[in-house]
Amino acid sequence: IADIVAAVSGDKRGIIDERRGAATAATRDRVRAASVAANAAAAAGAMPGELEDLGGAPPDAGPDLDAADIARLRAEVQQRKVEMTKSMMASRDAATKLSDQAKGAAARGAADEAAQLERRADGERANMHSLLTELATLEAELAELERVAKQYENAPKPPPRAHRPSSSDLGDEPPPRRAPPPSIDDALNDLKRRAGTPQGSAAPKQSAPRSSGTSGKIKGGDVDDELAALKKKMASAPPKKKP
């Protein structure tokens, strides 16, 4: 009967230990993720001259930090520590009790019973030491979460983005737009128009009235006309008489 009880108790404890190990691993991953996020936030907000990554690559962003999440994680780890402390103390008390029963069985001469009780006491002591190791890990996780919480509180918050005023902020009417600069074709057309207009705004002077007679013809003709008229006059003049 004692062997059956020990076997059932061992199986039950194995299931409990397996579930506890899975929960502990999940909590450890969450604590590690919070630590990575805190380090990334501190590296992103480091001022010039402080300890920062000079490798040129931006730090890993990691998950977003939230004070409420950190507080919930700390409470979860603390609750797990309390439960594990109770289990450790229960294993210690069970080991002490089984060891005393083994001594009593040995005193009565029941060597087999004493040996079984001693083996169960050794199992409880081994479980107690395993729980002590996990308790030390939980203590380290609590200290890390304490550091993360302080680092999150002291981390510089990103500055707010500058608000660019929109047309609704300035009023109903949008600001006047500047005229676009003239194109090359417009500039060339303007130069052509300026070259074709006469200089000055004064009216053109009226020419003097043309006089009648030969002088008017001379002024009106060109050089060839003047030479032709002179030759014709010389040819038509009568010859001079000799004395």
Protein backbone atom coordinates (compact mmCIF):
# COMPACT_ATOMS: atom_id res chain seq x y z
CA ILE A 1 0.00 0.00 0.00
CA ALA A 2 2.82 2.37 0.84
CA ASP A 3 4.36 1.73 -2.59
CA ILE A 4 1.03 2.48 -4.32
CA VAL A 5 0.61 5.70 -2.36
CA ALA A 6 4.17 6.71 -3.19
CA ALA A 7 3.66 5.99 -6.91
CA VAL A 8 0.40 7.97 -7.09
CA SER A 9 1.94 10.82 -5.16
CA GLY A 10 4.94 10.82 -7.48
CA ASP A 11 2.76 10.95 -10.60
CA LYS A 12 0.68 13.78 -9.18
CA ARG A 13 3.78 15.71 -8.25
CA GLY A 14 5.22 15.15 -11.71
CA ILE A 15 2.13 16.70 -13.32
CA ILE A 16 2.25 19.65 -10.93
CA ASP A 17 5.94 20.17 -11.57
CA GLU A 18 5.41 20.05 -15.34
CA ARG A 19 2.68 22.69 -15.22
CA ARG A 20 4.71 24.83 -12.87
CA GLY A 21 7.72 24.60 -15.16
CA ALA A 22 5.69 25.69 -18.21
CA ALA A 23 4.22 28.66 -16.31
CA THR A 24 7.66 29.63 -15.01
CA ALA A 25 9.15 29.52 -18.51
CA ALA A 26 6.35 31.72 -19.87
CA THR A 27 6.84 34.23 -17.07
CA ARG A 28 10.59 34.22 -17.64
CA ASP A 29 10.05 35.02 -21.34
CA ARG A 30 7.79 37.94 -20.47
CA VAL A 31 10.34 39.30 -18.00
CA ARG A 32 13.08 39.02 -20.62
CA ALA A 33 10.90 40.82 -23.19
CA ALA A 34 10.23 43.64 -20.74
CA SER A 35 13.96 43.96 -20.06
CA VAL A 36 14.74 44.13 -23.79
CA ALA A 37 12.09 46.81 -24.29
CA ALA A 38 13.46 48.88 -21.41
CA ASN A 39 17.01 48.68 -22.76
CA ALA A 40 15.83 49.67 -26.25
CA ALA A 41 13.92 52.66 -24.88
CA ALA A 42 16.96 53.77 -22.88
CA ALA A 43 19.24 53.45 -25.92
CA ALA A 44 16.82 55.38 -28.13
CA GLY A 45 16.57 58.24 -25.65
CA ALA A 46 20.27 58.42 -24.77
CA MET A 47 21.68 61.95 -24.96
CA PRO A 48 25.01 62.70 -26.70
CA GLY A 49 27.89 61.85 -24.40
CA GLU A 50 26.01 59.14 -22.53
CA LEU A 51 26.45 55.41 -22.92
CA GLU A 52 24.96 54.57 -26.30
CA ASP A 53 25.45 52.22 -29.19
CA LEU A 54 27.96 53.77 -31.60
CA GLY A 55 27.76 50.96 -34.13
CA GLY A 56 25.44 52.91 -36.40
CA ALA A 57 22.56 50.43 -36.40
CA PRO A 58 19.40 51.39 -34.48
CA PRO A 59 18.63 49.27 -31.41
CA ASP A 60 15.98 46.59 -31.53
CA ALA A 61 12.62 48.14 -30.92
CA GLY A 62 11.23 45.28 -28.81
CA PRO A 63 7.67 45.27 -27.46
CA ASP A 64 6.06 48.48 -26.30
CA LEU A 65 6.49 49.23 -22.61
CA ASP A 66 3.51 49.95 -20.43
CA ALA A 67 3.57 50.73 -16.72
CA ALA A 68 0.39 48.73 -16.11
CA ASP A 69 1.83 45.65 -17.84
CA ILE A 70 5.01 45.89 -15.77
CA ALA A 71 2.97 46.16 -12.57
CA ARG A 72 0.84 43.14 -13.53
CA LEU A 73 3.93 41.10 -14.36
CA ARG A 74 5.54 41.98 -11.03
CA ALA A 75 2.37 40.96 -9.20
CA GLU A 76 2.29 37.66 -11.11
CA VAL A 77 5.91 36.86 -10.28
CA GLN A 78 5.35 37.81 -6.64
CA GLN A 79 2.31 35.53 -6.44
CA ARG A 80 4.28 32.70 -8.01
CA LYS A 81 7.03 33.26 -5.44
CA VAL A 82 4.53 33.00 -2.59
CA GLU A 83 3.07 29.75 -3.95
CA MET A 84 6.50 28.26 -4.57
CA THR A 85 7.61 29.20 -1.06
CA LYS A 86 4.62 27.30 0.34
CA SER A 87 5.46 24.26 -1.79
CA MET A 88 9.08 24.38 -0.69
CA MET A 89 8.11 24.53 2.97
CA ALA A 90 5.64 21.68 2.48
CA SER A 91 8.38 19.52 0.92
CA ARG A 92 10.72 20.39 3.77
CA ASP A 93 8.14 19.46 6.39
CA ALA A 94 7.29 16.23 4.51
CA ALA A 95 10.96 15.28 4.29
CA THR A 96 11.41 15.85 8.00
CA LYS A 97 8.29 13.81 8.85
CA LEU A 98 9.23 10.90 6.57
CA SER A 99 12.74 10.85 7.95
CA ASP A 100 11.37 10.59 11.49
CA GLN A 101 9.01 7.77 10.42
CA ALA A 102 11.91 5.93 8.81
CA LYS A 103 13.86 6.15 12.03
CA GLY A 104 10.87 4.77 13.96
CA ALA A 105 10.45 1.87 11.51
CA ALA A 106 14.13 1.06 11.77
CA ALA A 107 13.84 1.07 15.56
CA ARG A 108 10.99 -1.47 15.34
CA GLY A 109 13.06 -3.66 13.08
CA ALA A 110 11.00 -2.99 9.94
CA ALA A 111 13.92 -2.48 7.63
CA ASP A 112 11.89 -2.50 4.38
CA GLU A 113 9.43 0.10 5.63
CA ALA A 114 12.27 2.22 6.93
CA ALA A 115 14.00 2.07 3.54
CA GLN A 116 10.82 3.10 1.68
CA LEU A 117 10.19 5.98 4.05
CA GLU A 118 13.76 7.14 3.67
CA ARG A 119 13.47 7.10 -0.13
CA ARG A 120 10.34 9.23 0.07
CA ALA A 121 12.12 11.60 2.41
CA ASP A 122 14.98 11.89 -0.09
CA GLY A 123 12.46 12.70 -2.85
CA GLU A 124 10.93 15.46 -0.75
CA ARG A 125 14.34 16.89 0.01
CA ALA A 126 15.25 16.85 -3.71
CA ASN A 127 12.00 18.62 -4.51
CA MET A 128 12.73 21.16 -1.80
CA HIS A 129 16.16 21.96 -3.31
CA SER A 130 14.62 22.27 -6.79
CA LEU A 131 12.05 24.72 -5.45
CA LEU A 132 14.80 26.70 -3.73
CA THR A 133 16.56 27.06 -7.10
CA GLU A 134 13.35 28.29 -8.73
CA LEU A 135 12.81 30.70 -5.86
CA ALA A 136 16.24 32.19 -6.49
CA THR A 137 15.30 32.63 -10.16
CA LEU A 138 12.08 34.38 -9.15
CA GLU A 139 14.03 36.69 -6.86
CA ALA A 140 16.27 37.64 -9.78
CA GLU A 141 13.22 38.24 -12.00
CA LEU A 142 11.65 40.49 -9.38
CA ALA A 143 14.87 42.49 -9.12
CA GLU A 144 14.98 42.81 -12.92
CA LEU A 145 11.36 43.98 -13.03
CA GLU A 146 12.15 46.54 -10.35
CA ARG A 147 14.98 47.86 -12.50
CA VAL A 148 12.74 47.90 -15.59
CA ALA A 149 10.05 49.85 -13.75
CA LYS A 150 12.54 52.49 -12.58
CA GLN A 151 14.14 52.70 -16.02
CA TYR A 152 10.73 53.14 -17.62
CA GLU A 153 9.85 55.95 -15.22
CA ASN A 154 13.16 57.75 -15.83
CA ALA A 155 13.25 57.21 -19.60
CA PRO A 156 12.85 60.46 -21.60
CA LYS A 157 9.52 60.67 -23.31
CA PRO A 158 9.59 61.45 -27.08
CA PRO A 159 8.88 65.14 -27.82
CA PRO A 160 5.46 65.93 -29.29
CA ARG A 161 5.34 66.50 -33.00
CA ALA A 162 5.05 70.09 -34.16
CA HIS A 163 1.54 70.99 -35.28
CA ARG A 164 1.47 72.58 -38.70
CA PRO A 165 -1.35 75.14 -38.97
CA SER A 166 -3.94 74.26 -41.57
CA SER A 167 -6.19 76.54 -43.58
CA SER A 168 -8.98 75.99 -41.06
CA ASP A 169 -6.72 77.35 -38.28
CA LEU A 170 -5.83 80.49 -40.26
CA GLY A 171 -9.41 81.37 -41.23
CA ASP A 172 -12.02 80.63 -43.83
CA GLU A 173 -10.06 82.13 -46.73
CA PRO A 174 -6.80 80.43 -47.75
CA PRO A 175 -3.68 82.62 -48.00
CA PRO A 176 -3.04 84.16 -51.46
CA ARG A 177 -0.78 82.16 -53.68
CA ARG A 178 2.22 83.70 -55.40
CA ALA A 179 2.09 84.00 -59.19
CA PRO A 180 4.21 81.41 -60.99
CA PRO A 181 7.41 82.73 -62.63
CA PRO A 182 7.19 83.45 -66.41
CA SER A 183 8.33 80.75 -68.77
CA ILE A 184 11.08 81.09 -71.39
CA ASP A 185 8.54 81.45 -74.21
CA ASP A 186 6.77 84.27 -72.39
CA ALA A 187 10.07 86.12 -71.88
CA LEU A 188 11.00 85.81 -75.59
CA ASN A 189 7.61 87.09 -76.72
CA ASP A 190 7.94 90.07 -74.40
CA LEU A 191 11.37 90.96 -75.86
CA LYS A 192 9.98 90.76 -79.42
CA ARG A 193 7.13 93.12 -78.57
CA ARG A 194 9.53 95.62 -77.04
CA ALA A 195 11.83 95.54 -80.13
CA GLY A 196 8.92 96.22 -82.54
CA THR A 197 7.57 99.37 -80.81
CA PRO A 198 9.05 102.90 -81.78
CA GLN A 199 11.16 104.58 -79.10
CA GLY A 200 9.58 107.48 -77.31
CA SER A 201 5.95 108.47 -77.10
CA ALA A 202 6.17 111.74 -79.11
CA ALA A 203 4.20 112.06 -82.34
CA PRO A 204 6.16 111.96 -85.61
CA LYS A 205 7.25 115.37 -86.95
CA GLN A 206 5.45 116.70 -90.02
CA SER A 207 7.68 117.31 -93.06
CA ALA A 208 8.01 120.84 -94.51
CA PRO A 209 5.92 121.64 -97.61
CA ARG A 210 7.67 120.81 -100.84
CA SER A 211 8.43 123.87 -103.02
CA SER A 212 7.55 123.92 -106.72
CA GLY A 213 10.08 124.16 -109.54
CA THR A 214 13.41 122.59 -110.21
CA SER A 215 14.56 122.74 -106.65
CA GLY A 216 11.62 120.59 -105.70
CA LYS A 217 12.52 118.08 -108.33
CA ILE A 218 16.16 118.04 -107.26
CA LYS A 219 15.21 117.48 -103.66
CA GLY A 220 12.79 114.83 -104.63
CA GLY A 221 15.18 112.96 -107.01
CA ASP A 222 18.25 111.00 -106.33
CA VAL A 223 21.83 111.49 -107.62
CA ASP A 224 21.22 109.77 -110.96
CA ASP A 225 18.28 112.01 -111.75
CA GLU A 226 20.32 115.11 -111.02
CA LEU A 227 23.16 114.03 -113.35
CA ALA A 228 20.74 113.22 -116.17
CA ALA A 229 19.05 116.61 -115.90
CA LEU A 230 22.42 118.45 -115.98
CA LYS A 231 23.56 116.63 -119.15
CA LYS A 232 20.29 117.39 -120.91
CA LYS A 233 20.57 121.09 -120.08
CA MET A 234 24.12 121.32 -121.39
CA ALA A 235 23.19 119.59 -124.63
CA SER A 236 20.24 121.87 -125.37
CA ALA A 237 22.09 125.18 -124.72
CA PRO A 238 22.97 127.19 -127.98
CA PRO A 239 26.67 127.47 -128.92
CA LYS A 240 28.48 130.69 -128.17
CA LYS A 241 29.32 133.05 -131.13
CA LYS A 242 32.95 133.91 -131.86
CA PRO A 243 33.90 137.65 -131.75
